Amino acid sequence: MVTGSARLIEFLLISALGYGIFYSYIDQTPDLQAHIGHALYMVAILGTAAGSVLSFQAFQLYDITILTSSSRQIARICMAWTLIFSIMMALAFFTKLGQEFSRVWAATWYLSGLGMLVAFRVLLCIAVRNWGKLGRLNRRAVIVGGGSPAHKLINALEASRDTDIQIYGVFDDRDKDRVSKRIAGYPKLGNIDQLIEFGREKRLDLLIVTLPMAAESRLLELYQKLWVLPVDIRLSAHTNELRFRPRAYSYIGNVPFLDLQDKPIADWDYVLKWAFDKTVASLALLALTPIMALVALAVKLDSKGPVFFKQKRHGFNNELINVYKFRSMYTDKSDSNAAKLVTKDDDRVTKVGRFIRKTSLDELPQLFNVLKGELSLVGPRPHALQAKAANSLYADVADGYFARHRVKPGITGWAQINGWRGETDTHEKLQHRVEHDLYYIENWSVLFDIYILAMTPIALLKSENAY
């Protein structure tokens, strides 16, 4: 997020400065205005700004570790800015367009741009250092697997100059006779099963597995337990004798790792989905307010009780949230835990309730959940806590069920538009729904969300499974 924001800000600063000088000097000079094309200057300004960002990237000026050192930044920023300006001047010369540009404009832009970039980098360095002291830039991590490999890895990480992780401790299934209570100064916090709950409570960012790659069965067993957490999972390659090409590794400082899993939606993808949800949900509420008012009136006139129904469900990272719906059952027959799923001709459902459940109008109040940040417009549907398939709790039926909670649940989803909506009275129906949810998580994009939203009204026409 920090490096992405730095790229965007520098692109905008360079562009705005170039255009500001052009507007204040060249646009005010009638003699030059007659033969200098405005569009030509705009191409040069935007090209230089884009080239500068690429040049800064090549000089590693967007590495988070570089951002903490003003001296290392200033030297590189001067070289990168001078290089890109030299390239742009060479292009103007060889394309015989040099006479089209004002030398005063170019010189002023170069010198003022250099001063502006240096000032911005100094301020950014101060901010990054302060954020680092507050722990905002550190990734919360734990080590999975103790013993000598964990000890060597921790020592290597601490010896590495530029790391961005905060290690809480170590988790290992072995007892205290085989793994000591402290490893390289860090406590053993529990076993692997306890790690799942710890990861949810502490909002971990990173799990570092220290098992050797040769322990395939143990690694697979671990991964089948840990993949339900919305975290990055890395396999330590520090002490492995088998070596791959450098590009096969990711690094924390200078310590190599193999990537087993990444967070499904992170960094700018998270921001993009957040902005999409908030914007579309706000517009939808404005457009659907008359319909929601009519549904509320119908619910109130049809039977005694409140208009809205509130039910606890699992949200992101298994957190409990209150999901809102229009009430579709008689108040004295409502089942807040959904211990018994609604079936065809269920006598608990009101007349209006049957209609709004079939058309999914009862789900519209969940737009408020989206605005509160508890739900997304698109995602795996949140299930009630005691929901069952063939008398078995959902989590006991479907493989990887809790992996659905690596992202925010949604009002609609990939499973719903593919026919897996409504009653889940068999294990097979639930398994198909979970498989579709996991496919969505692994293949998410904004375009995918837009497609699912566009197909949802069509899917609602097929309401044979909705009671």
Protein backbone atom coordinates (compact mmCIF):
# COMPACT_ATOMS: atom_id res chain seq x y z
CA MET A 1 0.00 0.00 0.00
CA VAL A 2 2.79 2.44 0.89
CA THR A 3 4.87 1.73 -2.20
CA GLY A 4 1.81 1.77 -4.46
CA SER A 5 0.74 5.12 -3.05
CA ALA A 6 4.28 6.48 -3.52
CA ARG A 7 4.20 5.50 -7.20
CA LEU A 8 0.87 7.21 -7.77
CA ILE A 9 1.81 10.38 -5.87
CA GLU A 10 5.11 10.78 -7.71
CA PHE A 11 3.45 10.26 -11.09
CA LEU A 12 0.88 12.95 -10.25
CA LEU A 13 3.48 15.37 -8.80
CA ILE A 14 5.75 15.13 -11.86
CA SER A 15 2.81 15.51 -14.25
CA ALA A 16 1.30 18.44 -12.36
CA LEU A 17 4.63 20.25 -12.14
CA GLY A 18 5.37 19.80 -15.83
CA TYR A 19 1.95 21.03 -16.86
CA GLY A 20 2.02 23.88 -14.32
CA ILE A 21 5.26 25.24 -15.77
CA PHE A 22 3.93 24.84 -19.29
CA TYR A 23 0.71 26.66 -18.46
CA SER A 24 2.35 29.51 -16.54
CA TYR A 25 5.23 30.15 -18.96
CA ILE A 26 4.53 28.83 -22.46
CA ASP A 27 0.77 29.41 -22.62
CA GLN A 28 1.45 33.02 -21.67
CA THR A 29 3.96 33.52 -24.51
CA PRO A 30 2.06 34.30 -27.75
CA ASP A 31 5.11 33.90 -30.00
CA LEU A 32 5.70 30.37 -28.85
CA GLN A 33 2.03 29.48 -28.62
CA ALA A 34 1.68 29.83 -32.37
CA HIS A 35 3.95 26.92 -33.20
CA ILE A 36 3.99 24.68 -30.10
CA GLY A 37 1.35 22.00 -29.99
CA HIS A 38 -0.40 21.57 -26.68
CA ALA A 39 -0.84 17.83 -27.33
CA LEU A 40 2.92 17.39 -27.94
CA TYR A 41 3.70 18.82 -24.52
CA MET A 42 1.09 16.59 -22.88
CA VAL A 43 2.64 13.49 -24.44
CA ALA A 44 6.08 14.57 -23.24
CA ILE A 45 4.83 15.32 -19.72
CA LEU A 46 2.91 12.06 -19.27
CA GLY A 47 5.68 10.04 -20.91
CA THR A 48 8.30 11.55 -18.61
CA ALA A 49 6.13 10.95 -15.54
CA ALA A 50 5.50 7.31 -16.47
CA GLY A 51 9.15 6.79 -17.41
CA SER A 52 10.24 8.29 -14.10
CA VAL A 53 8.16 5.83 -12.10
CA LEU A 54 9.63 2.95 -14.12
CA SER A 55 13.11 4.36 -13.63
CA PHE A 56 12.57 4.68 -9.88
CA GLN A 57 11.39 1.08 -9.86
CA ALA A 58 14.56 -0.03 -11.66
CA PHE A 59 16.64 1.80 -9.05
CA GLN A 60 14.68 -0.09 -6.33
CA LEU A 61 13.33 3.17 -4.95
CA TYR A 62 10.01 1.56 -4.06
CA ASP A 63 11.46 -1.15 -1.81
CA ILE A 64 10.06 -0.57 1.65
CA THR A 65 13.52 -0.96 3.16
CA ILE A 66 14.93 1.82 0.93
CA LEU A 67 12.14 4.15 2.03
CA THR A 68 13.51 4.17 5.58
CA SER A 69 16.84 5.76 4.53
CA SER A 70 16.77 9.34 3.23
CA SER A 71 20.45 9.29 2.20
CA ARG A 72 20.04 6.14 0.09
CA GLN A 73 16.92 7.56 -1.51
CA ILE A 74 18.30 11.00 -2.40
CA ALA A 75 21.35 9.66 -4.25
CA ARG A 76 19.25 7.23 -6.27
CA ILE A 77 16.46 9.70 -6.97
CA CYS A 78 18.95 12.17 -8.43
CA MET A 79 20.45 9.52 -10.71
CA ALA A 80 17.08 8.11 -11.80
CA TRP A 81 15.53 11.55 -12.49
CA THR A 82 18.61 12.69 -14.44
CA LEU A 83 18.63 9.43 -16.42
CA ILE A 84 15.00 9.66 -17.51
CA PHE A 85 15.35 13.33 -18.42
CA SER A 86 18.43 12.54 -20.50
CA ILE A 87 16.53 9.80 -22.31
CA MET A 88 13.60 12.13 -23.07
CA MET A 89 15.97 14.83 -24.40
CA ALA A 90 17.74 12.26 -26.57
CA LEU A 91 14.39 11.12 -27.99
CA ALA A 92 13.45 14.73 -28.78
CA PHE A 93 16.81 15.25 -30.50
CA PHE A 94 16.76 12.09 -32.65
CA THR A 95 13.11 12.57 -33.67
CA LYS A 96 13.92 16.19 -34.63
CA LEU A 97 11.31 17.51 -32.22
CA GLY A 98 13.75 19.39 -30.02
CA GLN A 99 12.87 22.72 -31.54
CA GLU A 100 9.24 22.20 -30.58
CA PHE A 101 10.02 22.41 -26.86
CA SER A 102 11.08 25.39 -24.78
CA ARG A 103 14.53 25.03 -23.20
CA VAL A 104 13.42 27.22 -20.31
CA TRP A 105 10.46 24.91 -19.68
CA ALA A 106 12.66 21.80 -19.75
CA ALA A 107 15.36 23.25 -17.50
CA THR A 108 12.84 24.63 -15.02
CA TRP A 109 10.97 21.32 -14.91
CA TYR A 110 14.18 19.33 -14.38
CA LEU A 111 15.53 21.49 -11.53
CA SER A 112 12.23 22.09 -9.74
CA GLY A 113 11.27 18.44 -10.23
CA LEU A 114 14.50 17.30 -8.64
CA GLY A 115 13.91 19.53 -5.63
CA MET A 116 10.29 18.41 -5.34
CA LEU A 117 11.17 14.70 -5.50
CA VAL A 118 13.92 15.07 -2.89
CA ALA A 119 11.56 16.93 -0.55
CA PHE A 120 8.83 14.32 -1.04
CA ARG A 121 11.25 11.46 -0.35
CA VAL A 122 12.50 13.07 2.86
CA LEU A 123 8.92 13.48 4.10
CA LEU A 124 8.09 9.93 3.04
CA CYS A 125 11.15 8.62 4.89
CA ILE A 126 10.05 10.37 8.09
CA ALA A 127 6.53 8.97 7.74
CA VAL A 128 7.72 5.41 7.03
CA ARG A 129 10.06 5.48 10.03
CA ASN A 130 7.24 6.65 12.29
CA TRP A 131 4.89 3.98 10.94
CA GLY A 132 7.62 1.40 11.48
CA LYS A 133 8.04 2.43 15.12
CA LEU A 134 4.29 2.09 15.62
CA GLY A 135 4.36 -1.36 14.03
CA ARG A 136 2.03 -0.44 11.18
CA LEU A 137 4.36 -1.76 8.49
CA ASN A 138 5.28 -5.01 10.20
CA ARG A 139 3.72 -8.30 9.22
CA ARG A 140 2.53 -10.34 12.19
CA ALA A 141 4.10 -13.79 11.90
CA VAL A 142 4.55 -17.10 13.68
CA ILE A 143 6.95 -19.97 13.08
CA VAL A 144 5.35 -23.38 12.41
CA GLY A 145 7.69 -26.15 13.54
CA GLY A 146 10.34 -25.89 16.23
CA GLY A 147 13.69 -27.48 16.88
CA SER A 148 16.99 -26.75 15.16
CA PRO A 149 15.49 -25.60 11.80
CA ALA A 150 13.38 -22.95 13.57
CA HIS A 151 16.36 -21.83 15.64
CA LYS A 152 18.56 -21.40 12.53
CA LEU A 153 15.81 -19.60 10.63
CA ILE A 154 15.11 -17.11 13.43
CA ASN A 155 18.82 -16.36 13.75
CA ALA A 156 19.04 -15.78 10.01
CA LEU A 157 16.04 -13.44 10.05
CA GLU A 158 17.43 -11.45 12.97
CA ALA A 159 20.82 -11.19 11.24
CA SER A 160 19.16 -9.94 8.05
CA ARG A 161 19.20 -6.16 7.86
CA ASP A 162 15.87 -5.48 6.22
CA THR A 163 12.99 -7.55 7.54
CA ASP A 164 9.41 -6.41 8.03
CA ILE A 165 8.03 -9.12 10.30
CA GLN A 166 7.14 -9.28 13.97
CA ILE A 167 7.44 -12.86 15.26
CA TYR A 168 5.00 -13.79 18.02
CA GLY A 169 6.37 -17.23 18.71
CA VAL A 170 6.50 -20.88 17.61
CA PHE A 171 3.84 -23.56 17.20
CA ASP A 172 4.72 -27.25 17.19
CA ASP A 173 2.78 -30.46 17.83
CA ARG A 174 5.69 -32.12 19.63
CA ASP A 175 5.78 -32.18 23.43
CA LYS A 176 8.22 -30.30 25.67
CA ASP A 177 10.63 -33.26 25.76
CA ARG A 178 11.28 -32.83 22.03
CA VAL A 179 10.78 -29.07 21.62
CA SER A 180 11.88 -26.62 24.31
CA LYS A 181 9.59 -23.93 25.69
CA ARG A 182 11.68 -21.20 24.04
CA ILE A 183 13.31 -21.33 20.61
CA ALA A 184 15.93 -18.67 19.84
CA GLY A 185 14.33 -16.45 22.48
CA TYR A 186 10.72 -16.92 21.27
CA PRO A 187 8.11 -18.89 23.25
CA LYS A 188 6.39 -22.02 22.11
CA LEU A 189 2.75 -20.89 22.04
CA GLY A 190 0.97 -24.17 21.41
CA ASN A 191 0.23 -26.90 18.89
CA ILE A 192 -1.02 -26.63 15.32
CA ASP A 193 -4.70 -26.88 16.28
CA GLN A 194 -4.25 -23.99 18.71
CA LEU A 195 -2.55 -22.01 15.95
CA ILE A 196 -5.82 -21.78 14.00
CA GLU A 197 -7.58 -19.97 16.84
CA PHE A 198 -4.49 -17.86 17.59
CA GLY A 199 -4.26 -16.81 13.94
CA ARG A 200 -7.86 -15.62 13.94
CA GLU A 201 -7.53 -13.70 17.23
CA LYS A 202 -4.25 -11.96 16.39
CA ARG A 203 -5.05 -11.34 12.72
CA LEU A 204 -1.79 -12.92 11.61
CA ASP A 205 -0.31 -11.93 8.25
CA LEU A 206 2.27 -14.66 7.77
CA LEU A 207 2.91 -18.29 8.69
CA ILE A 208 6.49 -19.51 8.22
CA VAL A 209 6.81 -23.31 7.98
CA THR A 210 10.26 -24.67 8.86
CA LEU A 211 9.74 -28.31 7.89
CA PRO A 212 12.10 -29.69 5.21
CA MET A 213 10.67 -30.12 1.71
CA ALA A 214 11.40 -33.85 1.94
CA ALA A 215 8.69 -34.23 4.62
CA GLU A 216 5.93 -34.28 2.01
CA SER A 217 3.23 -36.07 4.00
CA ARG A 218 3.72 -33.85 7.04
CA LEU A 219 3.73 -30.70 4.89
CA LEU A 220 0.49 -31.79 3.22
CA GLU A 221 -1.10 -32.53 6.58
CA LEU A 222 -0.08 -29.09 7.88
CA TYR A 223 -1.29 -27.27 4.80
CA GLN A 224 -4.69 -28.96 4.94
CA LYS A 225 -5.12 -27.48 8.42
CA LEU A 226 -3.59 -24.04 7.84
CA TRP A 227 -4.99 -23.04 4.44
CA VAL A 228 -8.31 -21.97 6.00
CA LEU A 229 -6.58 -18.88 7.46
CA PRO A 230 -6.51 -15.67 5.37
CA VAL A 231 -2.71 -15.39 5.57
CA ASP A 232 0.44 -15.78 3.49
CA ILE A 233 2.08 -19.17 4.04
CA ARG A 234 5.80 -19.49 3.32
CA LEU A 235 8.04 -22.55 3.42
CA SER A 236 11.53 -21.81 4.69
CA ALA A 237 14.23 -22.62 2.12
CA HIS A 238 17.06 -21.34 4.29
CA THR A 239 18.54 -24.71 5.26
CA ASN A 240 17.32 -26.83 2.32
CA GLU A 241 20.10 -28.35 0.24
CA LEU A 242 17.93 -28.42 -2.88
CA ARG A 243 18.27 -25.05 -4.61
CA PHE A 244 16.10 -23.50 -7.30
CA ARG A 245 16.69 -20.49 -9.49
CA PRO A 246 16.59 -17.18 -7.53
CA ARG A 247 13.29 -16.14 -9.13
CA ALA A 248 11.60 -19.18 -7.60
CA TYR A 249 11.99 -17.66 -4.15
CA SER A 250 10.44 -14.79 -2.27
CA TYR A 251 12.56 -13.09 0.37
CA ILE A 252 12.21 -11.65 3.84
CA GLY A 253 15.35 -9.57 4.12
CA ASN A 254 17.86 -11.84 2.43
CA VAL A 255 16.35 -15.12 3.67
CA PRO A 256 14.73 -17.25 0.89
CA PHE A 257 11.25 -18.80 1.07
CA LEU A 258 8.93 -20.77 -1.19
CA ASP A 259 5.37 -19.44 -1.47
CA LEU A 260 2.69 -21.97 -0.49
CA GLN A 261 -0.24 -19.55 -0.29
CA ASP A 262 -0.98 -15.84 -0.63
CA LYS A 263 -3.82 -13.87 0.88
CA PRO A 264 -6.70 -14.10 -1.62
CA ILE A 265 -7.42 -10.36 -1.76
CA ALA A 266 -4.68 -8.07 -0.46
CA ASP A 267 -3.03 -4.69 -0.92
CA TRP A 268 -4.58 -2.65 -3.76
CA ASP A 269 -6.97 -5.46 -4.68
CA TYR A 270 -8.48 -5.04 -1.22
CA VAL A 271 -8.84 -1.28 -1.73
CA LEU A 272 -10.38 -1.80 -5.17
CA LYS A 273 -12.95 -4.28 -3.88
CA TRP A 274 -13.72 -2.05 -0.89
CA ALA A 275 -14.34 0.98 -3.14
CA PHE A 276 -16.43 -1.10 -5.56
CA ASP A 277 -18.60 -2.47 -2.72
CA LYS A 278 -19.18 0.91 -1.09
CA THR A 279 -19.96 2.71 -4.36
CA VAL A 280 -22.31 0.11 -5.83
CA ALA A 281 -24.05 -0.58 -2.50
CA SER A 282 -24.71 3.14 -1.98
CA LEU A 283 -26.15 3.53 -5.48
CA ALA A 284 -28.21 0.35 -5.09
CA LEU A 285 -29.70 1.59 -1.81
CA LEU A 286 -30.73 4.85 -3.46
CA ALA A 287 -32.31 3.04 -6.39
CA LEU A 288 -34.00 0.30 -4.35
CA THR A 289 -35.34 2.40 -1.48
CA PRO A 290 -38.93 2.51 -2.91
CA ILE A 291 -38.94 -1.29 -3.35
CA MET A 292 -37.55 -1.84 0.14
CA ALA A 293 -40.22 0.46 1.57
CA LEU A 294 -42.96 -1.55 -0.16
CA VAL A 295 -41.48 -4.85 1.07
CA ALA A 296 -41.28 -3.49 4.61
CA LEU A 297 -44.93 -2.40 4.46
CA ALA A 298 -46.00 -5.80 3.11
CA VAL A 299 -44.12 -7.66 5.86
CA LYS A 300 -45.68 -5.45 8.54
CA LEU A 301 -49.23 -5.86 7.20
CA ASP A 302 -48.91 -9.61 6.62
CA SER A 303 -48.07 -10.71 10.17
CA LYS A 304 -47.26 -9.38 13.62
CA GLY A 305 -43.68 -8.67 14.52
CA PRO A 306 -40.68 -6.61 13.41
CA VAL A 307 -39.93 -5.84 9.78
CA PHE A 308 -36.32 -6.95 10.00
CA PHE A 309 -34.80 -10.24 11.09
CA LYS A 310 -31.29 -10.36 12.52
CA GLN A 311 -29.20 -13.52 12.49
CA LYS A 312 -25.63 -14.27 13.61
CA ARG A 313 -23.41 -15.74 10.92
CA HIS A 314 -19.74 -16.31 10.28
CA GLY A 315 -18.01 -13.49 8.45
CA PHE A 316 -14.44 -12.84 7.37
CA ASN A 317 -11.89 -14.87 9.35
CA ASN A 318 -14.75 -16.67 11.17
CA GLU A 319 -15.78 -13.50 13.02
CA LEU A 320 -19.41 -13.39 14.11
CA ILE A 321 -21.55 -10.76 12.41
CA ASN A 322 -25.24 -9.85 12.53
CA VAL A 323 -26.79 -10.24 9.08
CA TYR A 324 -30.00 -8.33 8.35
CA LYS A 325 -32.95 -9.59 6.32
CA PHE A 326 -36.61 -8.77 5.89
CA ARG A 327 -38.54 -11.10 8.19
CA SER A 328 -40.05 -13.95 6.20
CA MET A 329 -41.27 -16.19 9.05
CA TYR A 330 -43.88 -15.83 11.75
CA THR A 331 -42.23 -14.21 14.74
CA ASP A 332 -43.01 -17.04 17.16
CA LYS A 333 -41.63 -19.61 14.71
CA SER A 334 -38.42 -17.82 13.74
CA ASP A 335 -35.24 -19.86 14.02
CA SER A 336 -32.33 -17.51 14.68
CA ASN A 337 -29.75 -20.32 14.54
CA ALA A 338 -31.25 -22.02 11.45
CA ALA A 339 -31.10 -25.37 13.23
CA LYS A 340 -33.83 -26.49 10.83
CA LEU A 341 -33.53 -25.38 7.20
CA VAL A 342 -36.58 -23.99 5.44
CA THR A 343 -38.21 -26.58 3.18
CA LYS A 344 -40.91 -26.49 0.52
CA ASP A 345 -44.34 -25.46 1.90
CA ASP A 346 -42.76 -24.80 5.31
CA ASP A 347 -45.55 -23.63 7.64
CA ARG A 348 -43.16 -21.27 9.44
CA VAL A 349 -42.94 -19.00 6.37
CA THR A 350 -45.53 -16.23 5.91
CA LYS A 351 -47.34 -15.56 2.62
CA VAL A 352 -45.23 -12.50 1.93
CA GLY A 353 -42.21 -14.42 3.15
CA ARG A 354 -42.62 -17.05 0.42
CA PHE A 355 -42.54 -14.37 -2.26
CA ILE A 356 -39.61 -12.39 -0.92
CA ARG A 357 -37.58 -15.56 -0.30
CA LYS A 358 -38.12 -16.84 -3.83
CA THR A 359 -37.20 -13.47 -5.32
CA SER A 360 -34.41 -12.85 -2.75
CA LEU A 361 -35.97 -9.51 -1.84
CA ASP A 362 -35.52 -10.55 1.78
CA GLU A 363 -31.75 -10.13 1.27
CA LEU A 364 -31.88 -6.42 0.36
CA PRO A 365 -31.24 -5.12 3.92
CA GLN A 366 -27.81 -6.76 3.67
CA LEU A 367 -26.77 -3.72 1.65
CA PHE A 368 -26.47 -2.06 5.07
CA ASN A 369 -24.07 -4.85 6.07
CA VAL A 370 -21.99 -3.99 3.01
CA LEU A 371 -21.83 -0.32 3.99
CA LYS A 372 -20.80 -1.36 7.51
CA GLY A 373 -17.96 -3.40 6.03
CA GLU A 374 -19.24 -6.75 7.28
CA LEU A 375 -20.29 -8.13 3.89
CA SER A 376 -19.23 -7.69 0.30
CA LEU A 377 -21.59 -7.47 -2.65
CA VAL A 378 -20.08 -10.66 -4.07
CA GLY A 379 -18.54 -13.50 -2.12
CA PRO A 380 -19.37 -16.83 -0.47
CA ARG A 381 -22.81 -16.62 1.12
CA PRO A 382 -22.65 -16.44 4.95
CA HIS A 383 -24.27 -19.43 6.58
CA ALA A 384 -26.14 -19.60 9.87
CA LEU A 385 -24.18 -21.06 12.78
CA GLN A 386 -26.20 -24.26 13.15
CA ALA A 387 -27.04 -24.80 9.47
CA LYS A 388 -27.03 -28.47 8.54
CA ALA A 389 -26.91 -30.65 5.46
CA ALA A 390 -28.58 -34.01 6.00
CA ASN A 391 -28.48 -33.50 9.78
CA SER A 392 -24.75 -32.72 9.80
CA LEU A 393 -23.22 -29.32 10.47
CA TYR A 394 -21.81 -27.72 7.35
CA ALA A 395 -18.25 -27.69 8.70
CA ASP A 396 -18.42 -31.46 9.29
CA VAL A 397 -19.60 -32.17 5.76
CA ALA A 398 -17.58 -30.15 3.26
CA ASP A 399 -13.81 -30.29 2.87
CA GLY A 400 -12.26 -26.83 3.26
CA TYR A 401 -15.51 -25.33 4.52
CA PHE A 402 -13.84 -22.68 6.70
CA ALA A 403 -11.55 -21.68 3.83
CA ARG A 404 -14.62 -19.82 2.50
CA HIS A 405 -14.03 -17.30 5.28
CA ARG A 406 -10.69 -16.12 3.88
CA VAL A 407 -12.67 -13.32 2.23
CA LYS A 408 -15.74 -11.36 3.27
CA PRO A 409 -19.00 -13.18 2.60
CA GLY A 410 -21.29 -11.71 -0.03
CA ILE A 411 -24.94 -11.01 -0.81
CA THR A 412 -24.58 -13.04 -3.99
CA GLY A 413 -21.86 -15.31 -5.27
CA TRP A 414 -20.50 -17.67 -7.91
CA ALA A 415 -22.32 -20.63 -6.36
CA GLN A 416 -25.66 -18.80 -6.40
CA ILE A 417 -25.59 -17.91 -10.10
CA ASN A 418 -24.59 -21.49 -10.95
CA GLY A 419 -27.70 -22.99 -9.39
CA TRP A 420 -26.40 -23.81 -5.90
CA ARG A 421 -28.83 -21.50 -4.15
CA GLY A 422 -31.42 -22.29 -1.52
CA GLU A 423 -31.88 -25.60 0.28
CA THR A 424 -28.83 -27.76 1.01
CA ASP A 425 -30.50 -30.97 2.13
CA THR A 426 -27.72 -33.28 0.92
CA HIS A 427 -23.97 -33.44 1.39
CA GLU A 428 -23.45 -33.23 -2.36
CA LYS A 429 -25.31 -29.90 -2.67
CA LEU A 430 -23.23 -28.33 0.07
CA GLN A 431 -19.98 -29.68 -1.36
CA HIS A 432 -20.79 -28.20 -4.78
CA ARG A 433 -21.55 -24.84 -3.16
CA VAL A 434 -18.25 -24.85 -1.26
CA GLU A 435 -16.31 -25.83 -4.39
CA HIS A 436 -17.81 -22.88 -6.27
CA ASP A 437 -17.02 -20.54 -3.37
CA LEU A 438 -13.38 -21.65 -3.31
CA TYR A 439 -13.14 -21.23 -7.08
CA TYR A 440 -14.35 -17.65 -6.71
CA ILE A 441 -11.78 -16.90 -4.00
CA GLU A 442 -8.88 -18.22 -6.08
CA ASN A 443 -10.00 -16.42 -9.25
CA TRP A 444 -11.31 -13.12 -7.88
CA SER A 445 -11.21 -9.92 -9.91
CA VAL A 446 -13.42 -6.85 -10.15
CA LEU A 447 -14.56 -7.99 -13.61
CA PHE A 448 -15.54 -11.34 -12.07
CA ASP A 449 -17.60 -9.48 -9.44
CA ILE A 450 -19.29 -7.38 -12.13
CA TYR A 451 -20.14 -10.52 -14.13
CA ILE A 452 -21.66 -12.24 -11.07
CA LEU A 453 -23.72 -9.15 -10.21
CA ALA A 454 -24.96 -8.94 -13.81
CA MET A 455 -25.94 -12.62 -13.85
CA THR A 456 -27.66 -12.57 -10.45
CA PRO A 457 -31.05 -11.26 -11.70
CA ILE A 458 -31.09 -14.04 -14.32
CA ALA A 459 -30.23 -16.64 -11.68
CA LEU A 460 -33.11 -15.38 -9.50
CA LEU A 461 -35.57 -16.43 -12.20
CA LYS A 462 -34.61 -20.02 -11.46
CA SER A 463 -36.06 -20.22 -7.97
CA GLU A 464 -36.94 -23.93 -7.73
CA ASN A 465 -34.55 -24.45 -4.78
CA ALA A 466 -35.52 -21.28 -2.89
CA TYR A 467 -38.26 -21.71 -0.27
